[in-house]
Amino acid sequence: MAVTGTKGGGMDEQAREQALLTALTTEHFVLQTSRSATIAESVGRATVFLTTLSAALIGLGFVSTSGQLLKPYLGAVVPTLVITGLFTFGRLVQTMVENELDLQRIQRIRAYYHRQFAGERDFFADAVLDGDLQRAGWAAVGNRPSRWQLLLTTAAMVGAVNALLIGLAATLLTGLTGGSATVAVAVGVAVALVAFGAQVAYIQRASISLG
């Protein structure tokens, strides 16, 4: 693209605007590609974790009739699933934050499009919500800022599965230490609720979309 210069060697205003528009268009494409990549990674990681969990449950079905194999199997599989689940959860929270950052940056670019080119039309109007990028980001996906919305994320889903696994581990340990079935179940439920609450709190603390 040819750039017209002024006598002082710099760009005139029209050339500057054209160069900026070209750069913003490229940046918009890069950010959208980055968003697609974070979504694909989230789906892939969650799928791998849930596939591993499914395989473990199938294996449990094979050893459930053998008392000698059941306890060693659970002792090996449950910690593995918990650790894998926590690592998966941590990365899903990171990709969620990356996605939020990319979306807010896209909204800045779309707000520029609106100011420069839309005029009185409502093109890109959702990107200009009183300059509030957080609300603009939520509006772009048809939602309003809400902590409850974070429960619908892939990270929260994996967090719920993690909580169940951690609760199961607590139930098994309580049973092995001589606790009754009722006490073991009660302990497992309490630990699962605490684990899920801790993970939801982590998601809320990490999220940039709620301020």
C-alpha atoms as a PDB file:
ATOM      1  CA  MET A   1       0.000   0.000   0.000  1.00  0.00           C
ATOM      2  CA  ALA A   2       1.423   3.346  -0.985  1.00  0.00           C
ATOM      3  CA  VAL A   3       1.620   5.886   1.815  1.00  0.00           C
ATOM      4  CA  THR A   4       1.450   9.567   0.967  1.00  0.00           C
ATOM      5  CA  GLY A   5       3.916  11.661   2.922  1.00  0.00           C
ATOM      6  CA  THR A   6       3.885  15.288   3.955  1.00  0.00           C
ATOM      7  CA  LYS A   7       6.736  17.709   3.349  1.00  0.00           C
ATOM      8  CA  GLY A   8       8.182  16.867   6.755  1.00  0.00           C
ATOM      9  CA  GLY A   9       8.420  13.208   5.815  1.00  0.00           C
ATOM     10  CA  GLY A  10       5.465  12.091   7.962  1.00  0.00           C
ATOM     11  CA  MET A  11       2.069  10.694   7.024  1.00  0.00           C
ATOM     12  CA  ASP A  12      -0.844  12.965   6.298  1.00  0.00           C
ATOM     13  CA  GLU A  13      -3.992  12.350   8.340  1.00  0.00           C
ATOM     14  CA  GLN A  14      -5.785  10.316   5.694  1.00  0.00           C
ATOM     15  CA  ALA A  15      -2.819   8.019   5.169  1.00  0.00           C
ATOM     16  CA  ARG A  16      -2.459   7.592   8.940  1.00  0.00           C
ATOM     17  CA  GLU A  17      -6.121   6.617   9.266  1.00  0.00           C
ATOM     18  CA  GLN A  18      -5.797   4.128   6.403  1.00  0.00           C
ATOM     19  CA  ALA A  19      -2.675   2.570   7.912  1.00  0.00           C
ATOM     20  CA  LEU A  20      -4.373   2.334  11.307  1.00  0.00           C
ATOM     21  CA  LEU A  21      -7.455   0.720   9.786  1.00  0.00           C
ATOM     22  CA  THR A  22      -5.277  -1.862   8.032  1.00  0.00           C
ATOM     23  CA  ALA A  23      -3.441  -2.631  11.268  1.00  0.00           C
ATOM     24  CA  LEU A  24      -6.684  -2.900  13.242  1.00  0.00           C
ATOM     25  CA  THR A  25      -8.211  -5.208  10.649  1.00  0.00           C
ATOM     26  CA  THR A  26      -5.191  -7.478  10.917  1.00  0.00           C
ATOM     27  CA  GLU A  27      -5.281  -7.338  14.708  1.00  0.00           C
ATOM     28  CA  HIS A  28      -8.996  -8.126  14.701  1.00  0.00           C
ATOM     29  CA  PHE A  29      -8.320 -11.242  12.617  1.00  0.00           C
ATOM     30  CA  VAL A  30      -5.445 -12.318  14.892  1.00  0.00           C
ATOM     31  CA  LEU A  31      -7.548 -11.888  18.046  1.00  0.00           C
ATOM     32  CA  GLN A  32     -10.461 -13.818  16.559  1.00  0.00           C
ATOM     33  CA  THR A  33      -8.070 -16.618  15.600  1.00  0.00           C
ATOM     34  CA  SER A  34      -6.686 -16.597  19.136  1.00  0.00           C
ATOM     35  CA  ARG A  35     -10.200 -16.882  20.558  1.00  0.00           C
ATOM     36  CA  SER A  36     -10.914 -19.848  18.307  1.00  0.00           C
ATOM     37  CA  ALA A  37      -7.682 -21.489  19.457  1.00  0.00           C
ATOM     38  CA  THR A  38      -8.528 -21.081  23.160  1.00  0.00           C
ATOM     39  CA  ILE A  39     -11.996 -22.540  22.611  1.00  0.00           C
ATOM     40  CA  ALA A  40     -10.578 -25.491  20.676  1.00  0.00           C
ATOM     41  CA  GLU A  41      -7.988 -26.121  23.381  1.00  0.00           C
ATOM     42  CA  SER A  42     -10.633 -25.979  26.111  1.00  0.00           C
ATOM     43  CA  VAL A  43     -12.836 -28.475  24.320  1.00  0.00           C
ATOM     44  CA  GLY A  44      -9.859 -30.735  23.626  1.00  0.00           C
ATOM     45  CA  ARG A  45      -8.590 -30.751  27.205  1.00  0.00           C
ATOM     46  CA  ALA A  46     -12.053 -31.326  28.655  1.00  0.00           C
ATOM     47  CA  THR A  47     -12.634 -34.163  26.173  1.00  0.00           C
ATOM     48  CA  VAL A  48      -9.354 -35.855  27.091  1.00  0.00           C
ATOM     49  CA  PHE A  49     -10.152 -35.623  30.800  1.00  0.00           C
ATOM     50  CA  LEU A  50     -13.704 -36.940  30.442  1.00  0.00           C
ATOM     51  CA  THR A  51     -12.488 -39.734  28.153  1.00  0.00           C
ATOM     52  CA  THR A  52      -9.963 -40.750  30.802  1.00  0.00           C
ATOM     53  CA  LEU A  53     -12.722 -40.685  33.421  1.00  0.00           C
ATOM     54  CA  SER A  54     -14.958 -42.840  31.205  1.00  0.00           C
ATOM     55  CA  ALA A  55     -12.159 -45.360  30.686  1.00  0.00           C
ATOM     56  CA  ALA A  56     -11.591 -45.501  34.442  1.00  0.00           C
ATOM     57  CA  LEU A  57     -15.280 -46.198  35.052  1.00  0.00           C
ATOM     58  CA  ILE A  58     -15.240 -48.975  32.447  1.00  0.00           C
ATOM     59  CA  GLY A  59     -12.218 -50.461  34.182  1.00  0.00           C
ATOM     60  CA  LEU A  60     -14.042 -50.206  37.498  1.00  0.00           C
ATOM     61  CA  GLY A  61     -16.818 -52.328  36.048  1.00  0.00           C
ATOM     62  CA  PHE A  62     -14.328 -55.094  35.255  1.00  0.00           C
ATOM     63  CA  VAL A  63     -12.735 -55.191  38.714  1.00  0.00           C
ATOM     64  CA  SER A  64     -15.859 -54.509  40.785  1.00  0.00           C
ATOM     65  CA  THR A  65     -16.535 -58.231  41.270  1.00  0.00           C
ATOM     66  CA  SER A  66     -13.101 -58.842  42.753  1.00  0.00           C
ATOM     67  CA  GLY A  67     -12.517 -57.617  46.294  1.00  0.00           C
ATOM     68  CA  GLN A  68      -8.778 -58.163  45.939  1.00  0.00           C
ATOM     69  CA  LEU A  69      -8.499 -55.922  42.879  1.00  0.00           C
ATOM     70  CA  LEU A  70     -11.057 -53.244  43.712  1.00  0.00           C
ATOM     71  CA  LYS A  71      -9.173 -51.401  46.460  1.00  0.00           C
ATOM     72  CA  PRO A  72      -5.796 -51.286  44.669  1.00  0.00           C
ATOM     73  CA  TYR A  73      -7.573 -50.155  41.499  1.00  0.00           C
ATOM     74  CA  LEU A  74      -9.374 -47.308  43.258  1.00  0.00           C
ATOM     75  CA  GLY A  75      -6.209 -46.413  45.126  1.00  0.00           C
ATOM     76  CA  ALA A  76      -4.364 -45.982  41.835  1.00  0.00           C
ATOM     77  CA  VAL A  77      -7.098 -44.499  39.663  1.00  0.00           C
ATOM     78  CA  VAL A  78      -8.804 -41.976  41.952  1.00  0.00           C
ATOM     79  CA  PRO A  79      -5.635 -39.953  42.771  1.00  0.00           C
ATOM     80  CA  THR A  80      -4.680 -40.026  39.080  1.00  0.00           C
ATOM     81  CA  LEU A  81      -8.075 -38.684  38.064  1.00  0.00           C
ATOM     82  CA  VAL A  82      -8.008 -35.992  40.761  1.00  0.00           C
ATOM     83  CA  ILE A  83      -4.556 -34.762  39.744  1.00  0.00           C
ATOM     84  CA  THR A  84      -5.426 -34.841  36.029  1.00  0.00           C
ATOM     85  CA  GLY A  85      -8.690 -33.049  36.736  1.00  0.00           C
ATOM     86  CA  LEU A  86      -7.039 -30.285  38.757  1.00  0.00           C
ATOM     87  CA  PHE A  87      -4.414 -29.693  36.069  1.00  0.00           C
ATOM     88  CA  THR A  88      -7.134 -29.626  33.416  1.00  0.00           C
ATOM     89  CA  PHE A  89      -9.197 -27.225  35.517  1.00  0.00           C
ATOM     90  CA  GLY A  90      -6.249 -24.869  35.971  1.00  0.00           C
ATOM     91  CA  ARG A  91      -5.557 -24.687  32.244  1.00  0.00           C
ATOM     92  CA  LEU A  92      -9.244 -24.220  31.432  1.00  0.00           C
ATOM     93  CA  VAL A  93      -9.337 -21.187  33.718  1.00  0.00           C
ATOM     94  CA  GLN A  94      -6.288 -19.799  31.909  1.00  0.00           C
ATOM     95  CA  THR A  95      -7.878 -20.261  28.490  1.00  0.00           C
ATOM     96  CA  MET A  96     -11.078 -18.642  29.789  1.00  0.00           C
ATOM     97  CA  VAL A  97      -9.113 -15.559  30.850  1.00  0.00           C
ATOM     98  CA  GLU A  98      -7.258 -15.486  27.512  1.00  0.00           C
ATOM     99  CA  ASN A  99     -10.597 -15.637  25.726  1.00  0.00           C
ATOM    100  CA  GLU A 100     -11.957 -12.751  27.820  1.00  0.00           C
ATOM    101  CA  LEU A 101      -8.898 -10.606  27.101  1.00  0.00           C
ATOM    102  CA  ASP A 102      -9.136 -11.298  23.375  1.00  0.00           C
ATOM    103  CA  LEU A 103     -12.851 -10.448  23.380  1.00  0.00           C
ATOM    104  CA  GLN A 104     -12.318  -7.157  25.186  1.00  0.00           C
ATOM    105  CA  ARG A 105      -9.554  -6.188  22.736  1.00  0.00           C
ATOM    106  CA  ILE A 106     -11.859  -7.042  19.840  1.00  0.00           C
ATOM    107  CA  GLN A 107     -14.528  -4.825  21.378  1.00  0.00           C
ATOM    108  CA  ARG A 108     -12.068  -1.909  21.461  1.00  0.00           C
ATOM    109  CA  ILE A 109     -11.453  -2.353  17.742  1.00  0.00           C
ATOM    110  CA  ARG A 110     -15.160  -2.675  16.987  1.00  0.00           C
ATOM    111  CA  ALA A 111     -15.817   0.477  19.021  1.00  0.00           C
ATOM    112  CA  TYR A 112     -13.341   2.285  16.744  1.00  0.00           C
ATOM    113  CA  TYR A 113     -15.197   0.957  13.687  1.00  0.00           C
ATOM    114  CA  HIS A 114     -18.435   2.268  15.159  1.00  0.00           C
ATOM    115  CA  ARG A 115     -17.071   5.741  15.900  1.00  0.00           C
ATOM    116  CA  GLN A 116     -15.305   6.148  12.576  1.00  0.00           C
ATOM    117  CA  PHE A 117     -17.667   4.538  10.089  1.00  0.00           C
ATOM    118  CA  ALA A 118     -21.087   3.652  11.498  1.00  0.00           C
ATOM    119  CA  GLY A 119     -22.405   7.189  11.915  1.00  0.00           C
ATOM    120  CA  GLU A 120     -26.001   7.092  13.140  1.00  0.00           C
ATOM    121  CA  ARG A 121     -26.382   3.417  12.287  1.00  0.00           C
ATOM    122  CA  ASP A 122     -26.264   0.780  14.997  1.00  0.00           C
ATOM    123  CA  PHE A 123     -23.479  -1.274  13.446  1.00  0.00           C
ATOM    124  CA  PHE A 124     -21.040  -2.430  16.195  1.00  0.00           C
ATOM    125  CA  ALA A 125     -23.229  -0.632  18.757  1.00  0.00           C
ATOM    126  CA  ASP A 126     -22.795  -3.468  21.258  1.00  0.00           C
ATOM    127  CA  ALA A 127     -19.090  -2.545  21.407  1.00  0.00           C
ATOM    128  CA  VAL A 128     -19.890   0.944  22.695  1.00  0.00           C
ATOM    129  CA  LEU A 129     -21.642   0.570  26.046  1.00  0.00           C
ATOM    130  CA  ASP A 130     -20.632   3.771  27.810  1.00  0.00           C
ATOM    131  CA  GLY A 131     -17.000   2.769  27.358  1.00  0.00           C
ATOM    132  CA  ASP A 132     -17.476  -0.252  29.654  1.00  0.00           C
ATOM    133  CA  LEU A 133     -15.435  -3.027  28.041  1.00  0.00           C
ATOM    134  CA  GLN A 134     -16.663  -5.626  30.505  1.00  0.00           C
ATOM    135  CA  ARG A 135     -20.315  -5.026  29.676  1.00  0.00           C
ATOM    136  CA  ALA A 136     -19.429  -4.754  25.988  1.00  0.00           C
ATOM    137  CA  GLY A 137     -17.694  -8.125  26.111  1.00  0.00           C
ATOM    138  CA  TRP A 138     -20.719  -9.786  27.691  1.00  0.00           C
ATOM    139  CA  ALA A 139     -23.061  -8.069  25.243  1.00  0.00           C
ATOM    140  CA  ALA A 140     -21.062  -9.477  22.331  1.00  0.00           C
ATOM    141  CA  VAL A 141     -22.070 -13.003  23.401  1.00  0.00           C
ATOM    142  CA  GLY A 142     -25.626 -12.068  24.376  1.00  0.00           C
ATOM    143  CA  ASN A 143     -25.213 -12.131  28.167  1.00  0.00           C
ATOM    144  CA  ARG A 144     -25.084  -9.767  31.103  1.00  0.00           C
ATOM    145  CA  PRO A 145     -22.265  -9.689  33.687  1.00  0.00           C
ATOM    146  CA  SER A 146     -23.132 -12.276  36.316  1.00  0.00           C
ATOM    147  CA  ARG A 147     -21.161 -14.544  38.597  1.00  0.00           C
ATOM    148  CA  TRP A 148     -23.701 -17.280  37.932  1.00  0.00           C
ATOM    149  CA  GLN A 149     -22.696 -17.280  34.258  1.00  0.00           C
ATOM    150  CA  LEU A 150     -19.294 -18.617  35.285  1.00  0.00           C
ATOM    151  CA  LEU A 151     -21.004 -21.823  36.425  1.00  0.00           C
ATOM    152  CA  LEU A 152     -21.795 -22.500  32.767  1.00  0.00           C
ATOM    153  CA  THR A 153     -18.152 -22.511  31.685  1.00  0.00           C
ATOM    154  CA  THR A 154     -16.139 -25.592  30.771  1.00  0.00           C
ATOM    155  CA  ALA A 155     -13.877 -24.904  33.745  1.00  0.00           C
ATOM    156  CA  ALA A 156     -16.834 -25.060  36.130  1.00  0.00           C
ATOM    157  CA  MET A 157     -18.000 -28.327  34.572  1.00  0.00           C
ATOM    158  CA  VAL A 158     -14.601 -29.926  35.087  1.00  0.00           C
ATOM    159  CA  GLY A 159     -14.512 -28.395  38.567  1.00  0.00           C
ATOM    160  CA  ALA A 160     -17.777 -30.155  39.406  1.00  0.00           C
ATOM    161  CA  VAL A 161     -16.355 -33.497  38.246  1.00  0.00           C
ATOM    162  CA  ASN A 162     -13.209 -32.829  40.291  1.00  0.00           C
ATOM    163  CA  ALA A 163     -15.338 -32.121  43.358  1.00  0.00           C
ATOM    164  CA  LEU A 164     -17.143 -35.449  42.943  1.00  0.00           C
ATOM    165  CA  LEU A 165     -13.830 -37.293  42.629  1.00  0.00           C
ATOM    166  CA  ILE A 166     -12.385 -35.555  45.668  1.00  0.00           C
ATOM    167  CA  GLY A 167     -15.555 -36.336  47.609  1.00  0.00           C
ATOM    168  CA  LEU A 168     -15.278 -39.967  46.536  1.00  0.00           C
ATOM    169  CA  ALA A 169     -11.690 -40.079  47.732  1.00  0.00           C
ATOM    170  CA  ALA A 170     -12.736 -38.644  51.099  1.00  0.00           C
ATOM    171  CA  THR A 171     -15.539 -41.228  51.382  1.00  0.00           C
ATOM    172  CA  LEU A 172     -13.175 -44.093  50.635  1.00  0.00           C
ATOM    173  CA  LEU A 173     -10.567 -42.865  53.093  1.00  0.00           C
ATOM    174  CA  THR A 174     -13.173 -42.437  55.821  1.00  0.00           C
ATOM    175  CA  GLY A 175     -14.424 -45.967  55.195  1.00  0.00           C
ATOM    176  CA  LEU A 176     -10.899 -47.369  55.317  1.00  0.00           C
ATOM    177  CA  THR A 177     -10.232 -45.712  58.661  1.00  0.00           C
ATOM    178  CA  GLY A 178     -13.184 -47.490  60.222  1.00  0.00           C
ATOM    179  CA  GLY A 179     -15.963 -44.950  59.785  1.00  0.00           C
ATOM    180  CA  SER A 180     -19.504 -46.146  59.181  1.00  0.00           C
ATOM    181  CA  ALA A 181     -21.064 -45.914  55.729  1.00  0.00           C
ATOM    182  CA  THR A 182     -23.280 -43.012  56.837  1.00  0.00           C
ATOM    183  CA  VAL A 183     -20.365 -41.045  58.234  1.00  0.00           C
ATOM    184  CA  ALA A 184     -18.232 -41.794  55.178  1.00  0.00           C
ATOM    185  CA  VAL A 185     -20.932 -40.548  52.792  1.00  0.00           C
ATOM    186  CA  ALA A 186     -21.544 -37.429  54.899  1.00  0.00           C
ATOM    187  CA  VAL A 187     -17.826 -36.627  54.927  1.00  0.00           C
ATOM    188  CA  GLY A 188     -17.601 -37.193  51.176  1.00  0.00           C
ATOM    189  CA  VAL A 189     -20.542 -34.880  50.454  1.00  0.00           C
ATOM    190  CA  ALA A 190     -19.118 -32.140  52.689  1.00  0.00           C
ATOM    191  CA  VAL A 191     -15.660 -32.392  51.125  1.00  0.00           C
ATOM    192  CA  ALA A 192     -17.153 -32.364  47.595  1.00  0.00           C
ATOM    193  CA  LEU A 193     -19.148 -29.198  48.326  1.00  0.00           C
ATOM    194  CA  VAL A 194     -16.102 -27.459  49.771  1.00  0.00           C
ATOM    195  CA  ALA A 195     -13.962 -28.526  46.803  1.00  0.00           C
ATOM    196  CA  PHE A 196     -16.520 -27.260  44.301  1.00  0.00           C
ATOM    197  CA  GLY A 197     -16.936 -23.978  46.171  1.00  0.00           C
ATOM    198  CA  ALA A 198     -13.167 -23.459  46.226  1.00  0.00           C
ATOM    199  CA  GLN A 199     -12.904 -24.030  42.472  1.00  0.00           C
ATOM    200  CA  VAL A 200     -15.810 -21.693  41.695  1.00  0.00           C
ATOM    201  CA  ALA A 201     -14.194 -19.030  43.894  1.00  0.00           C
ATOM    202  CA  TYR A 202     -10.951 -19.504  41.950  1.00  0.00           C
ATOM    203  CA  ILE A 203     -12.780 -19.030  38.645  1.00  0.00           C
ATOM    204  CA  GLN A 204     -14.431 -15.842  39.910  1.00  0.00           C
ATOM    205  CA  ARG A 205     -11.146 -14.472  41.214  1.00  0.00           C
ATOM    206  CA  ALA A 206      -9.379 -15.219  37.922  1.00  0.00           C
ATOM    207  CA  SER A 207     -12.126 -13.833  35.688  1.00  0.00           C
ATOM    208  CA  ILE A 208     -11.523 -10.333  34.355  1.00  0.00           C
ATOM    209  CA  SER A 209     -15.055  -9.889  33.026  1.00  0.00           C
ATOM    210  CA  LEU A 210     -16.615  -9.218  36.440  1.00  0.00           C
ATOM    211  CA  GLY A 211     -14.126  -6.595  37.577  1.00  0.00           C
END
